[in-house]
mmCIF file of all heavy atoms, coordinates in Angstrom:
data_MODEL
# 
_entry.id   MODEL 
# 
loop_
_atom_site.group_PDB 
_atom_site.id 
_atom_site.type_symbol 
_atom_site.label_atom_id 
_atom_site.label_alt_id 
_atom_site.label_comp_id 
_atom_site.label_asym_id 
_atom_site.label_entity_id 
_atom_site.label_seq_id 
_atom_site.pdbx_PDB_ins_code 
_atom_site.Cartn_x 
_atom_site.Cartn_y 
_atom_site.Cartn_z 
_atom_site.occupancy 
_atom_site.B_iso_or_equiv 
_atom_site.pdbx_formal_charge 
_atom_site.auth_seq_id 
_atom_site.auth_comp_id 
_atom_site.auth_asym_id 
_atom_site.auth_atom_id 
_atom_site.pdbx_PDB_model_num 
ATOM 1   N N   . HIS A 1 1  ? -8.824  -69.089 -43.117 1.00 0.00 ? 1  HIS A N   1 
ATOM 2   C CA  . HIS A 1 1  ? -9.641  -70.001 -42.325 1.00 0.00 ? 1  HIS A CA  1 
ATOM 3   C C   . HIS A 1 1  ? -10.581 -69.230 -41.399 1.00 0.00 ? 1  HIS A C   1 
ATOM 4   O O   . HIS A 1 1  ? -10.246 -68.155 -40.908 1.00 0.00 ? 1  HIS A O   1 
ATOM 5   C CB  . HIS A 1 1  ? -8.754  -70.914 -41.485 1.00 0.00 ? 1  HIS A CB  1 
ATOM 6   C CG  . HIS A 1 1  ? -7.852  -71.790 -42.286 1.00 0.00 ? 1  HIS A CG  1 
ATOM 7   N ND1 . HIS A 1 1  ? -8.313  -72.798 -43.097 1.00 0.00 ? 1  HIS A ND1 1 
ATOM 8   C CD2 . HIS A 1 1  ? -6.497  -71.798 -42.411 1.00 0.00 ? 1  HIS A CD2 1 
ATOM 9   C CE1 . HIS A 1 1  ? -7.301  -73.405 -43.678 1.00 0.00 ? 1  HIS A CE1 1 
ATOM 10  N NE2 . HIS A 1 1  ? -6.187  -72.808 -43.290 1.00 0.00 ? 1  HIS A NE2 1 
ATOM 11  N N   . LYS A 1 2  ? -11.740 -69.822 -41.145 1.00 0.00 ? 2  LYS A N   1 
ATOM 12  C CA  . LYS A 1 2  ? -12.670 -69.316 -40.141 1.00 0.00 ? 2  LYS A CA  1 
ATOM 13  C C   . LYS A 1 2  ? -12.580 -70.283 -38.959 1.00 0.00 ? 2  LYS A C   1 
ATOM 14  O O   . LYS A 1 2  ? -13.079 -71.402 -39.019 1.00 0.00 ? 2  LYS A O   1 
ATOM 15  C CB  . LYS A 1 2  ? -14.094 -69.270 -40.686 1.00 0.00 ? 2  LYS A CB  1 
ATOM 16  C CG  . LYS A 1 2  ? -14.268 -68.377 -41.902 1.00 0.00 ? 2  LYS A CG  1 
ATOM 17  C CD  . LYS A 1 2  ? -14.156 -66.909 -41.542 1.00 0.00 ? 2  LYS A CD  1 
ATOM 18  C CE  . LYS A 1 2  ? -14.462 -66.028 -42.741 1.00 0.00 ? 2  LYS A CE  1 
ATOM 19  N NZ  . LYS A 1 2  ? -14.409 -64.592 -42.418 1.00 0.00 ? 2  LYS A NZ  1 
ATOM 20  N N   . THR A 1 3  ? -11.922 -69.873 -37.898 1.00 0.00 ? 3  THR A N   1 
ATOM 21  C CA  . THR A 1 3  ? -11.562 -70.811 -36.839 1.00 0.00 ? 3  THR A CA  1 
ATOM 22  C C   . THR A 1 3  ? -12.347 -70.591 -35.550 1.00 0.00 ? 3  THR A C   1 
ATOM 23  O O   . THR A 1 3  ? -12.861 -69.495 -35.280 1.00 0.00 ? 3  THR A O   1 
ATOM 24  C CB  . THR A 1 3  ? -10.059 -70.715 -36.521 1.00 0.00 ? 3  THR A CB  1 
ATOM 25  O OG1 . THR A 1 3  ? -9.751  -69.375 -36.110 1.00 0.00 ? 3  THR A OG1 1 
ATOM 26  C CG2 . THR A 1 3  ? -9.228  -71.081 -37.731 1.00 0.00 ? 3  THR A CG2 1 
ATOM 27  N N   . GLU A 1 4  ? -12.420 -71.663 -34.765 1.00 0.00 ? 4  GLU A N   1 
ATOM 28  C CA  . GLU A 1 4  ? -12.913 -71.597 -33.399 1.00 0.00 ? 4  GLU A CA  1 
ATOM 29  C C   . GLU A 1 4  ? -11.899 -72.301 -32.503 1.00 0.00 ? 4  GLU A C   1 
ATOM 30  O O   . GLU A 1 4  ? -11.101 -73.109 -32.969 1.00 0.00 ? 4  GLU A O   1 
ATOM 31  C CB  . GLU A 1 4  ? -14.283 -72.261 -33.271 1.00 0.00 ? 4  GLU A CB  1 
ATOM 32  C CG  . GLU A 1 4  ? -14.311 -73.731 -33.614 1.00 0.00 ? 4  GLU A CG  1 
ATOM 33  C CD  . GLU A 1 4  ? -15.690 -74.331 -33.484 1.00 0.00 ? 4  GLU A CD  1 
ATOM 34  O OE1 . GLU A 1 4  ? -16.600 -73.642 -32.998 1.00 0.00 ? 4  GLU A OE1 1 
ATOM 35  O OE2 . GLU A 1 4  ? -15.869 -75.503 -33.876 1.00 0.00 ? 4  GLU A OE2 1 
ATOM 36  N N   . ILE A 1 5  ? -11.926 -72.000 -31.212 1.00 0.00 ? 5  ILE A N   1 
ATOM 37  C CA  . ILE A 1 5  ? -10.973 -72.564 -30.258 1.00 0.00 ? 5  ILE A CA  1 
ATOM 38  C C   . ILE A 1 5  ? -11.587 -73.782 -29.582 1.00 0.00 ? 5  ILE A C   1 
ATOM 39  O O   . ILE A 1 5  ? -12.712 -73.727 -29.074 1.00 0.00 ? 5  ILE A O   1 
ATOM 40  C CB  . ILE A 1 5  ? -10.568 -71.517 -29.214 1.00 0.00 ? 5  ILE A CB  1 
ATOM 41  C CG1 . ILE A 1 5  ? -9.850  -70.337 -29.891 1.00 0.00 ? 5  ILE A CG1 1 
ATOM 42  C CG2 . ILE A 1 5  ? -9.665  -72.132 -28.152 1.00 0.00 ? 5  ILE A CG2 1 
ATOM 43  C CD1 . ILE A 1 5  ? -9.514  -69.203 -28.949 1.00 0.00 ? 5  ILE A CD1 1 
ATOM 44  N N   . ILE A 1 6  ? -10.852 -74.888 -29.593 1.00 0.00 ? 6  ILE A N   1 
ATOM 45  C CA  . ILE A 1 6  ? -11.263 -76.123 -28.930 1.00 0.00 ? 6  ILE A CA  1 
ATOM 46  C C   . ILE A 1 6  ? -10.298 -76.378 -27.775 1.00 0.00 ? 6  ILE A C   1 
ATOM 47  O O   . ILE A 1 6  ? -9.080  -76.348 -27.960 1.00 0.00 ? 6  ILE A O   1 
ATOM 48  C CB  . ILE A 1 6  ? -11.229 -77.321 -29.897 1.00 0.00 ? 6  ILE A CB  1 
ATOM 49  C CG1 . ILE A 1 6  ? -12.044 -77.017 -31.166 1.00 0.00 ? 6  ILE A CG1 1 
ATOM 50  C CG2 . ILE A 1 6  ? -11.718 -78.580 -29.209 1.00 0.00 ? 6  ILE A CG2 1 
ATOM 51  C CD1 . ILE A 1 6  ? -13.510 -76.818 -30.931 1.00 0.00 ? 6  ILE A CD1 1 
ATOM 52  N N   . THR A 1 7  ? -10.842 -76.647 -26.587 1.00 0.00 ? 7  THR A N   1 
ATOM 53  C CA  . THR A 1 7  ? -10.000 -76.884 -25.416 1.00 0.00 ? 7  THR A CA  1 
ATOM 54  C C   . THR A 1 7  ? -10.256 -78.279 -24.859 1.00 0.00 ? 7  THR A C   1 
ATOM 55  O O   . THR A 1 7  ? -11.405 -78.679 -24.673 1.00 0.00 ? 7  THR A O   1 
ATOM 56  C CB  . THR A 1 7  ? -10.273 -75.844 -24.314 1.00 0.00 ? 7  THR A CB  1 
ATOM 57  O OG1 . THR A 1 7  ? -10.011 -74.540 -24.834 1.00 0.00 ? 7  THR A OG1 1 
ATOM 58  C CG2 . THR A 1 7  ? -9.383  -76.084 -23.107 1.00 0.00 ? 7  THR A CG2 1 
ATOM 59  N N   . ALA A 1 8  ? -9.192  -79.030 -24.609 1.00 0.00 ? 8  ALA A N   1 
ATOM 60  C CA  . ALA A 1 8  ? -9.252  -80.326 -23.926 1.00 0.00 ? 8  ALA A CA  1 
ATOM 61  C C   . ALA A 1 8  ? -8.530  -80.180 -22.592 1.00 0.00 ? 8  ALA A C   1 
ATOM 62  O O   . ALA A 1 8  ? -7.336  -79.861 -22.565 1.00 0.00 ? 8  ALA A O   1 
ATOM 63  C CB  . ALA A 1 8  ? -8.610  -81.420 -24.774 1.00 0.00 ? 8  ALA A CB  1 
ATOM 64  N N   . GLU A 1 9  ? -9.242  -80.385 -21.501 1.00 0.00 ? 9  GLU A N   1 
ATOM 65  C CA  . GLU A 1 9  ? -8.650  -80.192 -20.182 1.00 0.00 ? 9  GLU A CA  1 
ATOM 66  C C   . GLU A 1 9  ? -7.673  -81.318 -19.867 1.00 0.00 ? 9  GLU A C   1 
ATOM 67  O O   . GLU A 1 9  ? -7.872  -82.471 -20.262 1.00 0.00 ? 9  GLU A O   1 
ATOM 68  C CB  . GLU A 1 9  ? -9.746  -80.143 -19.118 1.00 0.00 ? 9  GLU A CB  1 
ATOM 69  C CG  . GLU A 1 9  ? -10.715 -78.980 -19.277 1.00 0.00 ? 9  GLU A CG  1 
ATOM 70  C CD  . GLU A 1 9  ? -10.041 -77.628 -19.133 1.00 0.00 ? 9  GLU A CD  1 
ATOM 71  O OE1 . GLU A 1 9  ? -8.998  -77.558 -18.427 1.00 0.00 ? 9  GLU A OE1 1 
ATOM 72  O OE2 . GLU A 1 9  ? -10.545 -76.647 -19.714 1.00 0.00 ? 9  GLU A OE2 1 
ATOM 73  N N   . PRO A 1 10 ? -6.603  -81.023 -19.126 1.00 0.00 ? 10 PRO A N   1 
ATOM 74  C CA  . PRO A 1 10 ? -5.626  -82.066 -18.750 1.00 0.00 ? 10 PRO A CA  1 
ATOM 75  C C   . PRO A 1 10 ? -6.199  -82.984 -17.673 1.00 0.00 ? 10 PRO A C   1 
ATOM 76  O O   . PRO A 1 10 ? -7.142  -82.629 -16.964 1.00 0.00 ? 10 PRO A O   1 
ATOM 77  C CB  . PRO A 1 10 ? -4.451  -81.253 -18.215 1.00 0.00 ? 10 PRO A CB  1 
ATOM 78  C CG  . PRO A 1 10 ? -5.091  -80.011 -17.669 1.00 0.00 ? 10 PRO A CG  1 
ATOM 79  C CD  . PRO A 1 10 ? -6.231  -79.699 -18.603 1.00 0.00 ? 10 PRO A CD  1 
ATOM 80  N N   . THR A 1 11 ? -5.608  -84.174 -17.545 1.00 0.00 ? 11 THR A N   1 
ATOM 81  C CA  . THR A 1 11 ? -5.918  -85.094 -16.451 1.00 0.00 ? 11 THR A CA  1 
ATOM 82  C C   . THR A 1 11 ? -4.681  -85.230 -15.573 1.00 0.00 ? 11 THR A C   1 
ATOM 83  O O   . THR A 1 11 ? -3.674  -84.550 -15.793 1.00 0.00 ? 11 THR A O   1 
ATOM 84  C CB  . THR A 1 11 ? -6.332  -86.474 -16.999 1.00 0.00 ? 11 THR A CB  1 
ATOM 85  O OG1 . THR A 1 11 ? -5.188  -87.081 -17.630 1.00 0.00 ? 11 THR A OG1 1 
ATOM 86  C CG2 . THR A 1 11 ? -7.458  -86.344 -18.011 1.00 0.00 ? 11 THR A CG2 1 
ATOM 87  N N   . CYS A 1 12 ? -4.729  -86.145 -14.626 1.00 0.00 ? 12 CYS A N   1 
ATOM 88  C CA  . CYS A 1 12 ? -3.565  -86.367 -13.767 1.00 0.00 ? 12 CYS A CA  1 
ATOM 89  C C   . CYS A 1 12 ? -2.358  -86.835 -14.567 1.00 0.00 ? 12 CYS A C   1 
ATOM 90  O O   . CYS A 1 12 ? -1.210  -86.546 -14.220 1.00 0.00 ? 12 CYS A O   1 
ATOM 91  C CB  . CYS A 1 12 ? -3.880  -87.407 -12.695 1.00 0.00 ? 12 CYS A CB  1 
ATOM 92  S SG  . CYS A 1 12 ? -5.135  -86.887 -11.514 1.00 0.00 ? 12 CYS A SG  1 
ATOM 93  N N   . THR A 1 13 ? -2.617  -87.614 -15.620 1.00 0.00 ? 13 THR A N   1 
ATOM 94  C CA  . THR A 1 13 ? -1.513  -88.261 -16.331 1.00 0.00 ? 13 THR A CA  1 
ATOM 95  C C   . THR A 1 13 ? -1.329  -87.787 -17.763 1.00 0.00 ? 13 THR A C   1 
ATOM 96  O O   . THR A 1 13 ? -0.309  -88.077 -18.376 1.00 0.00 ? 13 THR A O   1 
ATOM 97  C CB  . THR A 1 13 ? -1.738  -89.785 -16.357 1.00 0.00 ? 13 THR A CB  1 
ATOM 98  O OG1 . THR A 1 13 ? -3.010  -90.052 -16.991 1.00 0.00 ? 13 THR A OG1 1 
ATOM 99  C CG2 . THR A 1 13 ? -1.760  -90.348 -14.947 1.00 0.00 ? 13 THR A CG2 1 
ATOM 100 N N   . GLU A 1 14 ? -2.290  -87.071 -18.317 1.00 0.00 ? 14 GLU A N   1 
ATOM 101 C CA  . GLU A 1 14 ? -2.207  -86.668 -19.722 1.00 0.00 ? 14 GLU A CA  1 
ATOM 102 C C   . GLU A 1 14 ? -2.339  -85.153 -19.866 1.00 0.00 ? 14 GLU A C   1 
ATOM 103 O O   . GLU A 1 14 ? -3.145  -84.514 -19.174 1.00 0.00 ? 14 GLU A O   1 
ATOM 104 C CB  . GLU A 1 14 ? -3.287  -87.354 -20.551 1.00 0.00 ? 14 GLU A CB  1 
ATOM 105 C CG  . GLU A 1 14 ? -3.128  -88.867 -20.624 1.00 0.00 ? 14 GLU A CG  1 
ATOM 106 C CD  . GLU A 1 14 ? -4.181  -89.502 -21.520 1.00 0.00 ? 14 GLU A CD  1 
ATOM 107 O OE1 . GLU A 1 14 ? -5.097  -88.762 -21.960 1.00 0.00 ? 14 GLU A OE1 1 
ATOM 108 O OE2 . GLU A 1 14 ? -4.083  -90.708 -21.777 1.00 0.00 ? 14 GLU A OE2 1 
ATOM 109 N N   . ASN A 1 15 ? -1.539  -84.613 -20.788 1.00 0.00 ? 15 ASN A N   1 
ATOM 110 C CA  . ASN A 1 15 ? -1.615  -83.189 -21.074 1.00 0.00 ? 15 ASN A CA  1 
ATOM 111 C C   . ASN A 1 15 ? -2.940  -82.853 -21.756 1.00 0.00 ? 15 ASN A C   1 
ATOM 112 O O   . ASN A 1 15 ? -3.508  -83.661 -22.489 1.00 0.00 ? 15 ASN A O   1 
ATOM 113 C CB  . ASN A 1 15 ? -0.474  -82.754 -21.980 1.00 0.00 ? 15 ASN A CB  1 
ATOM 114 C CG  . ASN A 1 15 ? 0.863   -82.804 -21.284 1.00 0.00 ? 15 ASN A CG  1 
ATOM 115 O OD1 . ASN A 1 15 ? 0.940   -82.797 -20.053 1.00 0.00 ? 15 ASN A OD1 1 
ATOM 116 N ND2 . ASN A 1 15 ? 1.933   -82.867 -22.060 1.00 0.00 ? 15 ASN A ND2 1 
ATOM 117 N N   . GLY A 1 16 ? -3.407  -81.669 -21.519 1.00 0.00 ? 16 GLY A N   1 
ATOM 118 C CA  . GLY A 1 16 ? -4.517  -81.122 -22.295 1.00 0.00 ? 16 GLY A CA  1 
ATOM 119 C C   . GLY A 1 16 ? -3.957  -80.227 -23.379 1.00 0.00 ? 16 GLY A C   1 
ATOM 120 O O   . GLY A 1 16 ? -2.742  -80.110 -23.553 1.00 0.00 ? 16 GLY A O   1 
ATOM 121 N N   . PHE A 1 17 ? -4.850  -79.581 -24.121 1.00 0.00 ? 17 PHE A N   1 
ATOM 122 C CA  . PHE A 1 17 ? -4.372  -78.702 -25.180 1.00 0.00 ? 17 PHE A CA  1 
ATOM 123 C C   . PHE A 1 17 ? -5.457  -77.692 -25.549 1.00 0.00 ? 17 PHE A C   1 
ATOM 124 O O   . PHE A 1 17 ? -6.636  -77.863 -25.235 1.00 0.00 ? 17 PHE A O   1 
ATOM 125 C CB  . PHE A 1 17 ? -3.975  -79.506 -26.428 1.00 0.00 ? 17 PHE A CB  1 
ATOM 126 C CG  . PHE A 1 17 ? -5.088  -80.340 -27.001 1.00 0.00 ? 17 PHE A CG  1 
ATOM 127 C CD1 . PHE A 1 17 ? -6.047  -79.793 -27.844 1.00 0.00 ? 17 PHE A CD1 1 
ATOM 128 C CD2 . PHE A 1 17 ? -5.185  -81.690 -26.679 1.00 0.00 ? 17 PHE A CD2 1 
ATOM 129 C CE1 . PHE A 1 17 ? -7.071  -80.546 -28.366 1.00 0.00 ? 17 PHE A CE1 1 
ATOM 130 C CE2 . PHE A 1 17 ? -6.210  -82.468 -27.195 1.00 0.00 ? 17 PHE A CE2 1 
ATOM 131 C CZ  . PHE A 1 17 ? -7.158  -81.893 -28.043 1.00 0.00 ? 17 PHE A CZ  1 
ATOM 132 N N   . GLU A 1 18 ? -5.015  -76.653 -26.190 1.00 0.00 ? 18 GLU A N   1 
ATOM 133 C CA  . GLU A 1 18 ? -5.901  -75.662 -26.791 1.00 0.00 ? 18 GLU A CA  1 
ATOM 134 C C   . GLU A 1 18 ? -5.544  -75.599 -28.262 1.00 0.00 ? 18 GLU A C   1 
ATOM 135 O O   . GLU A 1 18 ? -4.390  -75.389 -28.613 1.00 0.00 ? 18 GLU A O   1 
ATOM 136 C CB  . GLU A 1 18 ? -5.724  -74.299 -26.138 1.00 0.00 ? 18 GLU A CB  1 
ATOM 137 C CG  . GLU A 1 18 ? -6.666  -73.227 -26.648 1.00 0.00 ? 18 GLU A CG  1 
ATOM 138 C CD  . GLU A 1 18 ? -6.473  -71.909 -25.936 1.00 0.00 ? 18 GLU A CD  1 
ATOM 139 O OE1 . GLU A 1 18 ? -6.950  -71.785 -24.789 1.00 0.00 ? 18 GLU A OE1 1 
ATOM 140 O OE2 . GLU A 1 18 ? -5.802  -71.018 -26.507 1.00 0.00 ? 18 GLU A OE2 1 
ATOM 141 N N   . LYS A 1 19 ? -6.515  -75.817 -29.119 1.00 0.00 ? 19 LYS A N   1 
ATOM 142 C CA  . LYS A 1 19 ? -6.231  -75.795 -30.548 1.00 0.00 ? 19 LYS A CA  1 
ATOM 143 C C   . LYS A 1 19 ? -7.299  -75.006 -31.284 1.00 0.00 ? 19 LYS A C   1 
ATOM 144 O O   . LYS A 1 19 ? -8.386  -74.751 -30.755 1.00 0.00 ? 19 LYS A O   1 
ATOM 145 C CB  . LYS A 1 19 ? -6.139  -77.208 -31.118 1.00 0.00 ? 19 LYS A CB  1 
ATOM 146 C CG  . LYS A 1 19 ? -7.460  -77.968 -31.194 1.00 0.00 ? 19 LYS A CG  1 
ATOM 147 C CD  . LYS A 1 19 ? -7.258  -79.318 -31.870 1.00 0.00 ? 19 LYS A CD  1 
ATOM 148 C CE  . LYS A 1 19 ? -8.570  -80.097 -31.953 1.00 0.00 ? 19 LYS A CE  1 
ATOM 149 N NZ  . LYS A 1 19 ? -8.401  -81.399 -32.653 1.00 0.00 ? 19 LYS A NZ  1 
ATOM 150 N N   . ILE A 1 20 ? -6.963  -74.619 -32.495 1.00 0.00 ? 20 ILE A N   1 
ATOM 151 C CA  . ILE A 1 20 ? -7.938  -73.960 -33.356 1.00 0.00 ? 20 ILE A CA  1 
ATOM 152 C C   . ILE A 1 20 ? -8.347  -74.936 -34.459 1.00 0.00 ? 20 ILE A C   1 
ATOM 153 O O   . ILE A 1 20 ? -7.535  -75.713 -34.945 1.00 0.00 ? 20 ILE A O   1 
ATOM 154 C CB  . ILE A 1 20 ? -7.385  -72.661 -33.969 1.00 0.00 ? 20 ILE A CB  1 
ATOM 155 C CG1 . ILE A 1 20 ? -6.091  -72.912 -34.749 1.00 0.00 ? 20 ILE A CG1 1 
ATOM 156 C CG2 . ILE A 1 20 ? -7.183  -71.609 -32.898 1.00 0.00 ? 20 ILE A CG2 1 
ATOM 157 C CD1 . ILE A 1 20 ? -5.608  -71.702 -35.515 1.00 0.00 ? 20 ILE A CD1 1 
ATOM 158 N N   . GLU A 1 21 ? -9.614  -74.921 -34.791 1.00 0.00 ? 21 GLU A N   1 
ATOM 159 C CA  . GLU A 1 21 ? -10.142 -75.727 -35.886 1.00 0.00 ? 21 GLU A CA  1 
ATOM 160 C C   . GLU A 1 21 ? -10.918 -74.833 -36.829 1.00 0.00 ? 21 GLU A C   1 
ATOM 161 O O   . GLU A 1 21 ? -11.644 -73.938 -36.395 1.00 0.00 ? 21 GLU A O   1 
ATOM 162 C CB  . GLU A 1 21 ? -11.063 -76.830 -35.361 1.00 0.00 ? 21 GLU A CB  1 
ATOM 163 C CG  . GLU A 1 21 ? -10.351 -77.968 -34.662 1.00 0.00 ? 21 GLU A CG  1 
ATOM 164 C CD  . GLU A 1 21 ? -11.288 -79.105 -34.318 1.00 0.00 ? 21 GLU A CD  1 
ATOM 165 O OE1 . GLU A 1 21 ? -12.521 -78.938 -34.472 1.00 0.00 ? 21 GLU A OE1 1 
ATOM 166 O OE2 . GLU A 1 21 ? -10.801 -80.168 -33.897 1.00 0.00 ? 21 GLU A OE2 1 
ATOM 167 N N   . CYS A 1 22 ? -10.758 -75.088 -38.122 1.00 0.00 ? 22 CYS A N   1 
ATOM 168 C CA  . CYS A 1 22 ? -11.491 -74.312 -39.108 1.00 0.00 ? 22 CYS A CA  1 
ATOM 169 C C   . CYS A 1 22 ? -12.919 -74.833 -39.197 1.00 0.00 ? 22 CYS A C   1 
ATOM 170 O O   . CYS A 1 22 ? -13.162 -76.043 -39.215 1.00 0.00 ? 22 CYS A O   1 
ATOM 171 C CB  . CYS A 1 22 ? -10.813 -74.394 -40.476 1.00 0.00 ? 22 CYS A CB  1 
ATOM 172 S SG  . CYS A 1 22 ? -11.633 -73.380 -41.739 1.00 0.00 ? 22 CYS A SG  1 
ATOM 173 N N   . LEU A 1 23 ? -13.875 -73.932 -39.268 1.00 0.00 ? 23 LEU A N   1 
ATOM 174 C CA  . LEU A 1 23 ? -15.283 -74.291 -39.387 1.00 0.00 ? 23 LEU A CA  1 
ATOM 175 C C   . LEU A 1 23 ? -15.634 -74.791 -40.779 1.00 0.00 ? 23 LEU A C   1 
ATOM 176 O O   . LEU A 1 23 ? -16.691 -75.410 -40.973 1.00 0.00 ? 23 LEU A O   1 
ATOM 177 C CB  . LEU A 1 23 ? -16.157 -73.077 -39.051 1.00 0.00 ? 23 LEU A CB  1 
ATOM 178 C CG  . LEU A 1 23 ? -16.106 -72.616 -37.602 1.00 0.00 ? 23 LEU A CG  1 
ATOM 179 C CD1 . LEU A 1 23 ? -16.646 -71.204 -37.483 1.00 0.00 ? 23 LEU A CD1 1 
ATOM 180 C CD2 . LEU A 1 23 ? -16.870 -73.564 -36.706 1.00 0.00 ? 23 LEU A CD2 1 
ATOM 181 N N   . ILE A 1 24 ? -14.774 -74.515 -41.742 1.00 0.00 ? 24 ILE A N   1 
ATOM 182 C CA  . ILE A 1 24 ? -15.083 -74.864 -43.129 1.00 0.00 ? 24 ILE A CA  1 
ATOM 183 C C   . ILE A 1 24 ? -14.284 -76.077 -43.582 1.00 0.00 ? 24 ILE A C   1 
ATOM 184 O O   . ILE A 1 24 ? -14.851 -77.066 -44.045 1.00 0.00 ? 24 ILE A O   1 
ATOM 185 C CB  . ILE A 1 24 ? -14.798 -73.660 -44.046 1.00 0.00 ? 24 ILE A CB  1 
ATOM 186 C CG1 . ILE A 1 24 ? -15.703 -72.479 -43.665 1.00 0.00 ? 24 ILE A CG1 1 
ATOM 187 C CG2 . ILE A 1 24 ? -15.011 -74.039 -45.513 1.00 0.00 ? 24 ILE A CG2 1 
ATOM 188 C CD1 . ILE A 1 24 ? -15.407 -71.212 -44.427 1.00 0.00 ? 24 ILE A CD1 1 
ATOM 189 N N   . CYS A 1 25 ? -12.969 -76.023 -43.462 1.00 0.00 ? 25 CYS A N   1 
ATOM 190 C CA  . CYS A 1 25 ? -12.128 -77.100 -43.995 1.00 0.00 ? 25 CYS A CA  1 
ATOM 191 C C   . CYS A 1 25 ? -11.590 -77.967 -42.854 1.00 0.00 ? 25 CYS A C   1 
ATOM 192 O O   . CYS A 1 25 ? -12.047 -77.883 -41.715 1.00 0.00 ? 25 CYS A O   1 
ATOM 193 C CB  . CYS A 1 25 ? -10.990 -76.534 -44.831 1.00 0.00 ? 25 CYS A CB  1 
ATOM 194 S SG  . CYS A 1 25 ? -9.688  -75.728 -43.867 1.00 0.00 ? 25 CYS A SG  1 
ATOM 195 N N   . GLU A 1 26 ? -10.625 -78.810 -43.136 1.00 0.00 ? 26 GLU A N   1 
ATOM 196 C CA  . GLU A 1 26 ? -10.098 -79.752 -42.152 1.00 0.00 ? 26 GLU A CA  1 
ATOM 197 C C   . GLU A 1 26 ? -8.861  -79.227 -41.425 1.00 0.00 ? 26 GLU A C   1 
ATOM 198 O O   . GLU A 1 26 ? -8.193  -79.980 -40.716 1.00 0.00 ? 26 GLU A O   1 
ATOM 199 C CB  . GLU A 1 26 ? -9.772  -81.080 -42.844 1.00 0.00 ? 26 GLU A CB  1 
ATOM 200 C CG  . GLU A 1 26 ? -11.006 -81.779 -43.402 1.00 0.00 ? 26 GLU A CG  1 
ATOM 201 C CD  . GLU A 1 26 ? -10.686 -83.116 -44.040 1.00 0.00 ? 26 GLU A CD  1 
ATOM 202 O OE1 . GLU A 1 26 ? -9.481  -83.388 -44.261 1.00 0.00 ? 26 GLU A OE1 1 
ATOM 203 O OE2 . GLU A 1 26 ? -11.635 -83.869 -44.320 1.00 0.00 ? 26 GLU A OE2 1 
ATOM 204 N N   . TYR A 1 27 ? -8.566  -77.966 -41.574 1.00 0.00 ? 27 TYR A N   1 
ATOM 205 C CA  . TYR A 1 27 ? -7.386  -77.402 -40.920 1.00 0.00 ? 27 TYR A CA  1 
ATOM 206 C C   . TYR A 1 27 ? -7.560  -77.359 -39.399 1.00 0.00 ? 27 TYR A C   1 
ATOM 207 O O   . TYR A 1 27 ? -8.617  -76.973 -38.883 1.00 0.00 ? 27 TYR A O   1 
ATOM 208 C CB  . TYR A 1 27 ? -7.135  -75.985 -41.432 1.00 0.00 ? 27 TYR A CB  1 
ATOM 209 C CG  . TYR A 1 27 ? -6.087  -75.236 -40.654 1.00 0.00 ? 27 TYR A CG  1 
ATOM 210 C CD1 . TYR A 1 27 ? -4.732  -75.456 -40.878 1.00 0.00 ? 27 TYR A CD1 1 
ATOM 211 C CD2 . TYR A 1 27 ? -6.453  -74.307 -39.678 1.00 0.00 ? 27 TYR A CD2 1 
ATOM 212 C CE1 . TYR A 1 27 ? -3.766  -74.769 -40.155 1.00 0.00 ? 27 TYR A CE1 1 
ATOM 213 C CE2 . TYR A 1 27 ? -5.502  -73.611 -38.964 1.00 0.00 ? 27 TYR A CE2 1 
ATOM 214 C CZ  . TYR A 1 27 ? -4.155  -73.853 -39.208 1.00 0.00 ? 27 TYR A CZ  1 
ATOM 215 O OH  . TYR A 1 27 ? -3.207  -73.175 -38.483 1.00 0.00 ? 27 TYR A OH  1 
# 
């Protein structure tokens, strides 16, 4: 996979996350 890092910041009530997504496929 050719991946990039996607970050979603947390809020007061919900967790955030850091994930990798492939630039080519749906992984």
